[in-house]
Each structure stands twice: as structure tokens, then as C-alpha cells.
């Protein structure tokens, strides 16, 4: 590729890649936007040579390989649904998950979505339920360790 960086997420597992058609990174957005969560992931943007901005969440401290497999399973489910006339038109929204190591990875940013905590806050009794589950999880971890 002559030292050029491709926008991540363009390789799909079911077809031979054609790098000549892949979008190359022209530049990066000048700043990142951190999320207020445990691992402090950040959202960053890559500007492709096609003029589009590709946004990714950079997440450290977690192994994203299982998340990647779940998204692959959802893609297979979507292919199956597409062949079923009763369920055609239905699909599971998927996004790219790219593990770079066992403790670092990229997650495709999906605009107009809410973090789980915010979604729970919008439901009556959601915050209390989330607090109960978090407490039970923390206590369970404490017992295991």
C-alpha cells in the first residue's frame, strides 16, 4: 500500500478483499472525545480520501474478541433472515469491532445511540434496577476474589 493507512473495517470475511477500492485515511480529526465510563474510551475520527469522516471508539483494557464474534453471529443471522420470506426486511443492526490486541481495540461509532446507562435512566425504575444489578455484580466479584 506504499505506507498508506486504510480506514479500518473494510475487510469482510466472506469475499476476497480488493484493496484498490478501499478508502485511505487522508487525516484525523484534531481532537478526541472521551466517554464517561469505567475504561474511559475515546471517540476519534478518521477523514477518508473520499471526504467522509469515519468515527471509531478506541477502547483499552478489554478484550474485544468476543464482541467481534457476537457481531459476526448477528451478520450470519441477518443473512439467514434475508432468505426467509416471512422475515425479510427484518435485521439486527451490526457494527464493526476490531480487536487490535487482547487489551485494545476499535469499535465503530454508531451515531444517534445512547449509552446503556442513559437508556436505563429514561425508563421508570431503570436507575434503581441498574443500581441493584451493579451492587449484586460488585458483591459477587468481591466474594470470588
Protein backbone atom coordinates (compact mmCIF):
# COMPACT_ATOMS: atom_id res chain seq x y z
CA UNK A 1 0.00 0.00 0.00
CA UNK A 2 3.04 2.29 -0.14
CA UNK A 3 2.82 3.38 3.51
CA UNK A 4 -0.83 4.43 3.32
CA UNK A 5 -3.34 3.62 6.05
CA UNK A 6 -6.74 2.23 5.12
CA UNK A 7 -9.87 3.16 7.04
CA UNK A 8 -10.48 0.17 9.34
CA UNK A 9 -13.43 -2.18 8.92
CA UNK A 10 -13.33 -2.61 5.15
CA UNK A 11 -12.30 -6.27 5.15
CA UNK A 12 -15.21 -8.67 5.32
CA UNK A 13 -14.71 -12.36 5.96
CA UNK A 14 -16.81 -13.67 3.05
CA UNK A 15 -15.07 -12.16 0.00
CA UNK A 16 -11.58 -11.69 -1.33
CA UNK A 17 -10.53 -8.13 -0.47
CA UNK A 18 -9.86 -5.58 -3.20
CA UNK A 19 -7.54 -3.02 -1.56
CA UNK A 20 -7.62 -0.87 -4.70
CA UNK A 21 -11.23 0.03 -3.82
CA UNK A 22 -10.61 0.65 -0.11
CA UNK A 23 -10.76 4.14 1.35
CA UNK A 24 -7.43 5.56 2.53
CA UNK A 25 -7.10 7.79 5.61
CA UNK A 26 -6.34 11.34 4.49
CA UNK A 27 -6.17 12.82 8.01
CA UNK A 28 -7.50 12.57 11.53
CA UNK A 29 -9.87 14.88 13.36
CA UNK A 30 -7.79 17.25 15.52
CA UNK A 31 -9.34 16.15 18.84
CA UNK A 32 -10.81 13.11 20.54
CA UNK A 33 -13.92 12.93 22.71
CA UNK A 34 -13.70 10.84 25.88
CA UNK A 35 -16.70 8.92 27.24
CA UNK A 36 -17.58 8.98 30.91
CA UNK A 37 -17.37 5.27 31.62
CA UNK A 38 -15.18 2.86 33.55
CA UNK A 39 -12.49 2.27 30.89
CA UNK A 40 -12.54 5.88 29.61
CA UNK A 41 -12.83 5.04 25.90
CA UNK A 42 -12.43 7.87 23.41
CA UNK A 43 -14.16 8.65 20.14
CA UNK A 44 -11.87 9.64 17.32
CA UNK A 45 -12.46 10.43 13.69
CA UNK A 46 -10.58 9.49 10.55
CA UNK A 47 -11.19 11.55 7.45
CA UNK A 48 -11.03 9.39 4.36
CA UNK A 49 -9.82 10.41 0.93
CA UNK A 50 -13.48 10.15 -0.09
CA UNK A 51 -14.24 13.15 2.16
CA UNK A 52 -16.28 11.16 4.70
CA UNK A 53 -15.48 11.09 8.41
CA UNK A 54 -15.26 7.62 9.92
CA UNK A 55 -15.74 7.65 13.68
CA UNK A 56 -14.39 4.97 15.98
CA UNK A 57 -14.32 4.32 19.69
CA UNK A 58 -10.85 3.40 20.93
CA UNK A 59 -11.22 1.11 23.92
CA UNK A 60 -8.33 -0.05 26.11
CA UNK A 61 -8.28 -2.53 28.97
CA UNK A 62 -10.77 -5.01 27.49
CA UNK A 63 -10.55 -7.95 25.15
CA UNK A 64 -12.97 -7.24 22.29
CA UNK A 65 -12.62 -10.60 20.53
CA UNK A 66 -15.88 -11.94 21.98
CA UNK A 67 -17.68 -8.73 20.98
CA UNK A 68 -16.35 -9.22 17.44
CA UNK A 69 -17.68 -12.79 17.37
CA UNK A 70 -21.14 -11.65 18.51
CA UNK A 71 -21.28 -9.11 15.67
CA UNK A 72 -20.22 -11.85 13.22
CA UNK A 73 -23.03 -14.06 14.56
CA UNK A 74 -25.51 -11.21 14.09
CA UNK A 75 -24.33 -10.84 10.48
CA UNK A 76 -24.98 -14.54 9.89
CA UNK A 77 -28.45 -14.13 11.44
CA UNK A 78 -29.12 -11.23 9.05
CA UNK A 79 -28.13 -13.36 6.06
CA UNK A 80 -30.49 -16.09 7.24
CA UNK A 81 -33.33 -13.61 7.74
CA UNK A 82 -32.79 -12.26 4.23
CA UNK A 83 -33.56 -15.71 2.76
CA UNK A 84 -36.71 -16.16 4.87
CA UNK A 85 -39.68 -14.58 3.06
CA UNK A 86 -41.65 -14.25 6.30
CA UNK A 87 -38.86 -12.25 7.97
CA UNK A 88 -37.29 -10.45 5.03
CA UNK A 89 -36.86 -6.79 5.83
CA UNK A 90 -36.01 -7.57 9.44
CA UNK A 91 -32.42 -7.36 10.56
CA UNK A 92 -30.16 -6.84 13.52
CA UNK A 93 -28.13 -3.65 13.41
CA UNK A 94 -24.45 -4.56 13.47
CA UNK A 95 -21.26 -2.53 13.79
CA UNK A 96 -17.59 -3.25 13.29
CA UNK A 97 -15.49 -4.44 16.21
CA UNK A 98 -11.77 -4.65 15.53
CA UNK A 99 -9.62 -6.15 18.29
CA UNK A 100 -6.05 -4.91 17.87
CA UNK A 101 -4.69 -6.88 20.83
CA UNK A 102 -6.11 -8.61 23.89
CA UNK A 103 -6.38 -5.23 25.66
CA UNK A 104 -7.00 -2.71 22.87
CA UNK A 105 -9.50 -2.38 20.05
CA UNK A 106 -11.68 -0.20 17.86
CA UNK A 107 -15.48 -0.15 17.83
CA UNK A 108 -17.37 1.53 15.02
CA UNK A 109 -19.22 4.53 16.45
CA UNK A 110 -22.94 4.38 15.75
CA UNK A 111 -24.49 7.88 15.70
CA UNK A 112 -27.79 8.64 17.42
CA UNK A 113 -27.37 5.93 20.04
CA UNK A 114 -27.45 6.16 23.81
CA UNK A 115 -25.14 4.57 26.34
CA UNK A 116 -26.92 1.82 28.26
CA UNK A 117 -26.89 3.85 31.47
CA UNK A 118 -28.69 6.76 29.78
CA UNK A 119 -31.25 4.42 28.23
CA UNK A 120 -31.95 2.89 31.65
CA UNK A 121 -32.34 6.37 33.15
CA UNK A 122 -35.14 7.11 30.67
CA UNK A 123 -37.22 4.13 31.88
CA UNK A 124 -39.26 4.29 35.08
CA UNK A 125 -37.40 2.37 37.78
CA UNK A 126 -34.43 1.86 35.46
CA UNK A 127 -31.87 3.64 37.62
CA UNK A 128 -32.87 1.66 40.72
CA UNK A 129 -32.73 -1.62 38.77
CA UNK A 130 -29.31 -0.74 37.37
CA UNK A 131 -28.08 0.15 40.87
CA UNK A 132 -29.32 -3.21 42.23
CA UNK A 133 -27.63 -5.16 39.45
CA UNK A 134 -24.39 -3.20 39.82
CA UNK A 135 -24.37 -3.81 43.57
CA UNK A 136 -25.03 -7.54 43.12
CA UNK A 137 -22.28 -7.75 40.50
CA UNK A 138 -19.78 -5.93 42.74
CA UNK A 139 -20.65 -8.13 45.72
CA UNK A 140 -20.34 -11.25 43.58
CA UNK A 141 -16.91 -10.18 42.37
CA UNK A 142 -15.84 -9.47 45.94
CA UNK A 143 -16.87 -12.99 47.01
CA UNK A 144 -14.96 -14.55 44.11
CA UNK A 145 -11.80 -12.62 44.88
